[in-house]
Amino acid sequence: MSEVGVTRYYHSLDDKIKTIPFADQMSFDLDQYVTDKALNGLYLTLAEEEKKIRQDPAARVTDLLKKVFGSE
């Protein structure tokens, strides 16, 4: 985010918002927000893949998956 300037623009905007009375309560950590959303997306993708592996024996392509999900 810092490479493309997102962090710099966010901090500039956040600094301006903090000058408004009572607005500092609305601030949040952009890096934490992006990290949380990325992890949520990762967990969703993992859940979808696990569902596919559980439902479709052909998706169990490794020996470990076959052993864990009962195809051996």
PDB file of N, CA and C in Angstrom:
ATOM      1  N   MET A   1       0.829  -1.183   0.000  1.00  0.00           N
ATOM      2  CA  MET A   1       0.000   0.000   0.000  1.00  0.00           C
ATOM      3  C   MET A   1       0.874   1.247   0.000  1.00  0.00           C
ATOM      4  N   SER A   2       1.989   1.169   0.691  1.00  0.00           N
ATOM      5  CA  SER A   2       2.852   2.353   0.726  1.00  0.00           C
ATOM      6  C   SER A   2       3.536   2.585  -0.621  1.00  0.00           C
ATOM      7  N   GLU A   3       3.788   1.514  -1.372  1.00  0.00           N
ATOM      8  CA  GLU A   3       4.444   1.655  -2.675  1.00  0.00           C
ATOM      9  C   GLU A   3       3.599   2.449  -3.668  1.00  0.00           C
ATOM     10  N   VAL A   4       2.288   2.329  -3.584  1.00  0.00           N
ATOM     11  CA  VAL A   4       1.414   3.043  -4.528  1.00  0.00           C
ATOM     12  C   VAL A   4       0.825   4.320  -3.931  1.00  0.00           C
ATOM     13  N   GLY A   5       1.181   4.627  -2.676  1.00  0.00           N
ATOM     14  CA  GLY A   5       0.774   5.887  -2.075  1.00  0.00           C
ATOM     15  C   GLY A   5      -0.519   5.867  -1.282  1.00  0.00           C
ATOM     16  N   VAL A   6      -1.135   4.722  -1.151  1.00  0.00           N
ATOM     17  CA  VAL A   6      -2.404   4.639  -0.431  1.00  0.00           C
ATOM     18  C   VAL A   6      -2.240   5.070   1.017  1.00  0.00           C
ATOM     19  N   THR A   7      -1.197   4.583   1.664  1.00  0.00           N
ATOM     20  CA  THR A   7      -0.977   4.909   3.067  1.00  0.00           C
ATOM     21  C   THR A   7      -0.775   6.406   3.255  1.00  0.00           C
ATOM     22  N   ARG A   8       0.013   7.018   2.392  1.00  0.00           N
ATOM     23  CA  ARG A   8       0.276   8.460   2.500  1.00  0.00           C
ATOM     24  C   ARG A   8      -1.017   9.254   2.343  1.00  0.00           C
ATOM     25  N   TYR A   9      -1.830   8.907   1.342  1.00  0.00           N
ATOM     26  CA  TYR A   9      -3.096   9.624   1.129  1.00  0.00           C
ATOM     27  C   TYR A   9      -4.056   9.412   2.300  1.00  0.00           C
ATOM     28  N   TYR A  10      -4.094   8.200   2.823  1.00  0.00           N
ATOM     29  CA  TYR A  10      -4.978   7.925   3.948  1.00  0.00           C
ATOM     30  C   TYR A  10      -4.563   8.731   5.172  1.00  0.00           C
ATOM     31  N   HIS A  11      -3.267   8.737   5.483  1.00  0.00           N
ATOM     32  CA  HIS A  11      -2.804   9.473   6.659  1.00  0.00           C
ATOM     33  C   HIS A  11      -3.056  10.974   6.508  1.00  0.00           C
ATOM     34  N   SER A  12      -2.902  11.486   5.300  1.00  0.00           N
ATOM     35  CA  SER A  12      -3.190  12.904   5.064  1.00  0.00           C
ATOM     36  C   SER A  12      -4.671  13.198   5.319  1.00  0.00           C
ATOM     37  N   LEU A  13      -5.543  12.357   4.809  1.00  0.00           N
ATOM     38  CA  LEU A  13      -6.978  12.515   5.023  1.00  0.00           C
ATOM     39  C   LEU A  13      -7.329  12.359   6.500  1.00  0.00           C
ATOM     40  N   ASP A  14      -6.722  11.363   7.141  1.00  0.00           N
ATOM     41  CA  ASP A  14      -6.995  11.112   8.558  1.00  0.00           C
ATOM     42  C   ASP A  14      -6.569  12.305   9.411  1.00  0.00           C
ATOM     43  N   ASP A  15      -5.434  12.906   9.089  1.00  0.00           N
ATOM     44  CA  ASP A  15      -4.974  14.087   9.834  1.00  0.00           C
ATOM     45  C   ASP A  15      -5.966  15.243   9.694  1.00  0.00           C
ATOM     46  N   LYS A  16      -6.527  15.412   8.508  1.00  0.00           N
ATOM     47  CA  LYS A  16      -7.512  16.482   8.296  1.00  0.00           C
ATOM     48  C   LYS A  16      -8.801  16.199   9.061  1.00  0.00           C
ATOM     49  N   ILE A  17      -9.215  14.949   9.079  1.00  0.00           N
ATOM     50  CA  ILE A  17     -10.440  14.575   9.798  1.00  0.00           C
ATOM     51  C   ILE A  17     -10.268  14.821  11.296  1.00  0.00           C
ATOM     52  N   LYS A  18      -9.078  14.552  11.818  1.00  0.00           N
ATOM     53  CA  LYS A  18      -8.836  14.718  13.255  1.00  0.00           C
ATOM     54  C   LYS A  18      -8.933  16.173  13.705  1.00  0.00           C
ATOM     55  N   THR A  19      -8.852  17.116  12.781  1.00  0.00           N
ATOM     56  CA  THR A  19      -8.990  18.525  13.162  1.00  0.00           C
ATOM     57  C   THR A  19     -10.449  18.904  13.391  1.00  0.00           C
ATOM     58  N   ILE A  20     -11.367  18.054  12.961  1.00  0.00           N
ATOM     59  CA  ILE A  20     -12.791  18.299  13.167  1.00  0.00           C
ATOM     60  C   ILE A  20     -13.148  17.802  14.572  1.00  0.00           C
ATOM     61  N   PRO A  21     -13.821  18.633  15.378  1.00  0.00           N
ATOM     62  CA  PRO A  21     -14.180  18.191  16.730  1.00  0.00           C
ATOM     63  C   PRO A  21     -14.989  16.881  16.704  1.00  0.00           C
ATOM     64  N   PHE A  22     -14.642  15.985  17.572  1.00  0.00           N
ATOM     65  CA  PHE A  22     -15.295  14.682  17.755  1.00  0.00           C
ATOM     66  C   PHE A  22     -15.070  13.711  16.600  1.00  0.00           C
ATOM     67  N   ALA A  23     -14.388  14.109  15.561  1.00  0.00           N
ATOM     68  CA  ALA A  23     -14.184  13.227  14.406  1.00  0.00           C
ATOM     69  C   ALA A  23     -13.069  12.214  14.647  1.00  0.00           C
ATOM     70  N   ASP A  24     -12.176  12.487  15.593  1.00  0.00           N
ATOM     71  CA  ASP A  24     -11.068  11.554  15.815  1.00  0.00           C
ATOM     72  C   ASP A  24     -11.559  10.180  16.268  1.00  0.00           C
ATOM     73  N   GLN A  25     -12.770  10.097  16.772  1.00  0.00           N
ATOM     74  CA  GLN A  25     -13.342   8.810  17.168  1.00  0.00           C
ATOM     75  C   GLN A  25     -13.653   7.945  15.959  1.00  0.00           C
ATOM     76  N   MET A  26     -13.728   8.526  14.792  1.00  0.00           N
ATOM     77  CA  MET A  26     -14.058   7.780  13.581  1.00  0.00           C
ATOM     78  C   MET A  26     -12.822   7.181  12.913  1.00  0.00           C
ATOM     79  N   SER A  27     -11.628   7.534  13.362  1.00  0.00           N
ATOM     80  CA  SER A  27     -10.393   7.050  12.754  1.00  0.00           C
ATOM     81  C   SER A  27     -10.257   5.548  12.960  1.00  0.00           C
ATOM     82  N   PHE A  28      -9.580   4.920  12.021  1.00  0.00           N
ATOM     83  CA  PHE A  28      -9.284   3.504  12.150  1.00  0.00           C
ATOM     84  C   PHE A  28      -7.933   3.222  11.512  1.00  0.00           C
ATOM     85  N   ASP A  29      -7.386   2.068  11.791  1.00  0.00           N
ATOM     86  CA  ASP A  29      -6.078   1.665  11.297  1.00  0.00           C
ATOM     87  C   ASP A  29      -6.255   1.030   9.918  1.00  0.00           C
ATOM     88  N   LEU A  30      -5.844   1.753   8.887  1.00  0.00           N
ATOM     89  CA  LEU A  30      -6.013   1.279   7.510  1.00  0.00           C
ATOM     90  C   LEU A  30      -5.256  -0.025   7.276  1.00  0.00           C
ATOM     91  N   ASP A  31      -4.037  -0.105   7.773  1.00  0.00           N
ATOM     92  CA  ASP A  31      -3.254  -1.327   7.577  1.00  0.00           C
ATOM     93  C   ASP A  31      -3.935  -2.534   8.212  1.00  0.00           C
ATOM     94  N   GLN A  32      -4.470  -2.353   9.420  1.00  0.00           N
ATOM     95  CA  GLN A  32      -5.171  -3.454  10.093  1.00  0.00           C
ATOM     96  C   GLN A  32      -6.439  -3.837   9.327  1.00  0.00           C
ATOM     97  N   TYR A  33      -7.154  -2.839   8.818  1.00  0.00           N
ATOM     98  CA  TYR A  33      -8.376  -3.087   8.046  1.00  0.00           C
ATOM     99  C   TYR A  33      -8.068  -3.918   6.808  1.00  0.00           C
ATOM    100  N   VAL A  34      -7.042  -3.519   6.066  1.00  0.00           N
ATOM    101  CA  VAL A  34      -6.679  -4.239   4.844  1.00  0.00           C
ATOM    102  C   VAL A  34      -6.204  -5.650   5.178  1.00  0.00           C
ATOM    103  N   THR A  35      -5.422  -5.787   6.243  1.00  0.00           N
ATOM    104  CA  THR A  35      -4.954  -7.108   6.663  1.00  0.00           C
ATOM    105  C   THR A  35      -6.127  -8.003   7.038  1.00  0.00           C
ATOM    106  N   ASP A  36      -7.073  -7.468   7.805  1.00  0.00           N
ATOM    107  CA  ASP A  36      -8.254  -8.248   8.190  1.00  0.00           C
ATOM    108  C   ASP A  36      -9.056  -8.697   6.982  1.00  0.00           C
ATOM    109  N   LYS A  37      -9.260  -7.800   6.021  1.00  0.00           N
ATOM    110  CA  LYS A  37     -10.030  -8.154   4.819  1.00  0.00           C
ATOM    111  C   LYS A  37      -9.291  -9.201   3.991  1.00  0.00           C
ATOM    112  N   ALA A  38      -7.972  -9.080   3.902  1.00  0.00           N
ATOM    113  CA  ALA A  38      -7.189 -10.071   3.150  1.00  0.00           C
ATOM    114  C   ALA A  38      -7.279 -11.445   3.812  1.00  0.00           C
ATOM    115  N   LEU A  39      -7.182 -11.474   5.138  1.00  0.00           N
ATOM    116  CA  LEU A  39      -7.299 -12.749   5.849  1.00  0.00           C
ATOM    117  C   LEU A  39      -8.694 -13.338   5.706  1.00  0.00           C
ATOM    118  N   ASN A  40      -9.724 -12.490   5.766  1.00  0.00           N
ATOM    119  CA  ASN A  40     -11.092 -12.980   5.567  1.00  0.00           C
ATOM    120  C   ASN A  40     -11.233 -13.614   4.190  1.00  0.00           C
ATOM    121  N   GLY A  41     -10.654 -12.983   3.180  1.00  0.00           N
ATOM    122  CA  GLY A  41     -10.694 -13.538   1.828  1.00  0.00           C
ATOM    123  C   GLY A  41      -9.951 -14.854   1.736  1.00  0.00           C
ATOM    124  N   LEU A  42      -8.814 -14.941   2.404  1.00  0.00           N
ATOM    125  CA  LEU A  42      -8.037 -16.179   2.415  1.00  0.00           C
ATOM    126  C   LEU A  42      -8.820 -17.305   3.073  1.00  0.00           C
ATOM    127  N   TYR A  43      -9.422 -17.018   4.238  1.00  0.00           N
ATOM    128  CA  TYR A  43     -10.204 -18.043   4.934  1.00  0.00           C
ATOM    129  C   TYR A  43     -11.416 -18.476   4.119  1.00  0.00           C
ATOM    130  N   LEU A  44     -12.044 -17.548   3.425  1.00  0.00           N
ATOM    131  CA  LEU A  44     -13.181 -17.892   2.568  1.00  0.00           C
ATOM    132  C   LEU A  44     -12.739 -18.819   1.443  1.00  0.00           C
ATOM    133  N   THR A  45     -11.606 -18.504   0.830  1.00  0.00           N
ATOM    134  CA  THR A  45     -11.077 -19.340  -0.244  1.00  0.00           C
ATOM    135  C   THR A  45     -10.733 -20.735   0.266  1.00  0.00           C
ATOM    136  N   LEU A  46     -10.112 -20.809   1.451  1.00  0.00           N
ATOM    137  CA  LEU A  46      -9.793 -22.105   2.045  1.00  0.00           C
ATOM    138  C   LEU A  46     -11.053 -22.912   2.337  1.00  0.00           C
ATOM    139  N   ALA A  47     -12.080 -22.251   2.848  1.00  0.00           N
ATOM    140  CA  ALA A  47     -13.336 -22.943   3.153  1.00  0.00           C
ATOM    141  C   ALA A  47     -13.986 -23.486   1.889  1.00  0.00           C
ATOM    142  N   GLU A  48     -13.957 -22.709   0.819  1.00  0.00           N
ATOM    143  CA  GLU A  48     -14.534 -23.166  -0.445  1.00  0.00           C
ATOM    144  C   GLU A  48     -13.765 -24.363  -1.001  1.00  0.00           C
ATOM    145  N   GLU A  49     -12.445 -24.320  -0.901  1.00  0.00           N
ATOM    146  CA  GLU A  49     -11.624 -25.429  -1.379  1.00  0.00           C
ATOM    147  C   GLU A  49     -11.856 -26.686  -0.533  1.00  0.00           C
ATOM    148  N   GLU A  50     -11.961 -26.516   0.768  1.00  0.00           N
ATOM    149  CA  GLU A  50     -12.224 -27.667   1.630  1.00  0.00           C
ATOM    150  C   GLU A  50     -13.582 -28.280   1.318  1.00  0.00           C
ATOM    151  N   LYS A  51     -14.570 -27.444   1.082  1.00  0.00           N
ATOM    152  CA  LYS A  51     -15.905 -27.949   0.734  1.00  0.00           C
ATOM    153  C   LYS A  51     -15.837 -28.770  -0.550  1.00  0.00           C
ATOM    154  N   LYS A  52     -15.087 -28.258  -1.527  1.00  0.00           N
ATOM    155  CA  LYS A  52     -14.952 -28.979  -2.796  1.00  0.00           C
ATOM    156  C   LYS A  52     -14.256 -30.320  -2.582  1.00  0.00           C
ATOM    157  N   ILE A  53     -13.208 -30.324  -1.752  1.00  0.00           N
ATOM    158  CA  ILE A  53     -12.468 -31.558  -1.484  1.00  0.00           C
ATOM    159  C   ILE A  53     -13.349 -32.568  -0.760  1.00  0.00           C
ATOM    160  N   ARG A  54     -14.158 -32.101   0.175  1.00  0.00           N
ATOM    161  CA  ARG A  54     -15.035 -33.018   0.918  1.00  0.00           C
ATOM    162  C   ARG A  54     -16.131 -33.613   0.029  1.00  0.00           C
ATOM    163  N   GLN A  55     -16.642 -32.816  -0.909  1.00  0.00           N
ATOM    164  CA  GLN A  55     -17.764 -33.261  -1.741  1.00  0.00           C
ATOM    165  C   GLN A  55     -17.325 -34.064  -2.967  1.00  0.00           C
ATOM    166  N   ASP A  56     -16.139 -33.792  -3.485  1.00  0.00           N
ATOM    167  CA  ASP A  56     -15.710 -34.403  -4.739  1.00  0.00           C
ATOM    168  C   ASP A  56     -14.430 -35.200  -4.530  1.00  0.00           C
ATOM    169  N   PRO A  57     -14.523 -36.519  -4.491  1.00  0.00           N
ATOM    170  CA  PRO A  57     -13.326 -37.331  -4.299  1.00  0.00           C
ATOM    171  C   PRO A  57     -12.247 -37.068  -5.354  1.00  0.00           C
ATOM    172  N   ALA A  58     -12.619 -36.649  -6.541  1.00  0.00           N
ATOM    173  CA  ALA A  58     -11.639 -36.363  -7.592  1.00  0.00           C
ATOM    174  C   ALA A  58     -10.785 -35.141  -7.256  1.00  0.00           C
ATOM    175  N   ALA A  59     -11.239 -34.307  -6.336  1.00  0.00           N
ATOM    176  CA  ALA A  59     -10.478 -33.124  -5.931  1.00  0.00           C
ATOM    177  C   ALA A  59      -9.387 -33.477  -4.931  1.00  0.00           C
ATOM    178  N   ARG A  60      -9.393 -34.703  -4.462  1.00  0.00           N
ATOM    179  CA  ARG A  60      -8.378 -35.159  -3.503  1.00  0.00           C
ATOM    180  C   ARG A  60      -7.169 -35.648  -4.299  1.00  0.00           C
ATOM    181  N   VAL A  61      -6.352 -34.711  -4.709  1.00  0.00           N
ATOM    182  CA  VAL A  61      -5.307 -35.000  -5.689  1.00  0.00           C
ATOM    183  C   VAL A  61      -3.971 -35.425  -5.099  1.00  0.00           C
ATOM    184  N   THR A  62      -3.784 -35.286  -3.796  1.00  0.00           N
ATOM    185  CA  THR A  62      -2.521 -35.712  -3.186  1.00  0.00           C
ATOM    186  C   THR A  62      -2.778 -36.868  -2.242  1.00  0.00           C
ATOM    187  N   ASP A  63      -1.712 -37.601  -1.950  1.00  0.00           N
ATOM    188  CA  ASP A  63      -1.839 -38.725  -1.012  1.00  0.00           C
ATOM    189  C   ASP A  63      -2.321 -38.253   0.355  1.00  0.00           C
ATOM    190  N   LEU A  64      -1.834 -37.089   0.791  1.00  0.00           N
ATOM    191  CA  LEU A  64      -2.254 -36.557   2.089  1.00  0.00           C
ATOM    192  C   LEU A  64      -3.742 -36.237   2.098  1.00  0.00           C
ATOM    193  N   LEU A  65      -4.243 -35.593   1.052  1.00  0.00           N
ATOM    194  CA  LEU A  65      -5.687 -35.286   0.980  1.00  0.00           C
ATOM    195  C   LEU A  65      -6.502 -36.571   0.955  1.00  0.00           C
ATOM    196  N   LYS A  66      -6.032 -37.575   0.230  1.00  0.00           N
ATOM    197  CA  LYS A  66      -6.734 -38.852   0.175  1.00  0.00           C
ATOM    198  C   LYS A  66      -6.768 -39.508   1.561  1.00  0.00           C
ATOM    199  N   LYS A  67      -5.652 -39.406   2.277  1.00  0.00           N
ATOM    200  CA  LYS A  67      -5.593 -40.001   3.604  1.00  0.00           C
ATOM    201  C   LYS A  67      -6.493 -39.247   4.588  1.00  0.00           C
ATOM    202  N   VAL A  68      -6.426 -37.914   4.570  1.00  0.00           N
ATOM    203  CA  VAL A  68      -7.195 -37.104   5.515  1.00  0.00           C
ATOM    204  C   VAL A  68      -8.695 -37.205   5.257  1.00  0.00           C
ATOM    205  N   PHE A  69      -9.078 -37.218   3.975  1.00  0.00           N
ATOM    206  CA  PHE A  69     -10.501 -37.216   3.637  1.00  0.00           C
ATOM    207  C   PHE A  69     -11.036 -38.596   3.278  1.00  0.00           C
ATOM    208  N   GLY A  70     -10.270 -39.626   3.532  1.00  0.00           N
ATOM    209  CA  GLY A  70     -10.769 -40.979   3.466  1.00  0.00           C
ATOM    210  C   GLY A  70     -10.885 -41.622   2.099  1.00  0.00           C
ATOM    211  N   SER A  71     -10.034 -41.292   1.162  1.00  0.00           N
ATOM    212  CA  SER A  71     -10.112 -41.924  -0.161  1.00  0.00           C
ATOM    213  C   SER A  71      -9.162 -43.104  -0.285  1.00  0.00           C
ATOM    214  N   GLU A  72      -8.426 -43.416   0.761  1.00  0.00           N
ATOM    215  CA  GLU A  72      -7.493 -44.550   0.694  1.00  0.00           C
ATOM    216  C   GLU A  72      -8.087 -45.738   1.393  1.00  0.00           C
TER     217      GLU A  72
END
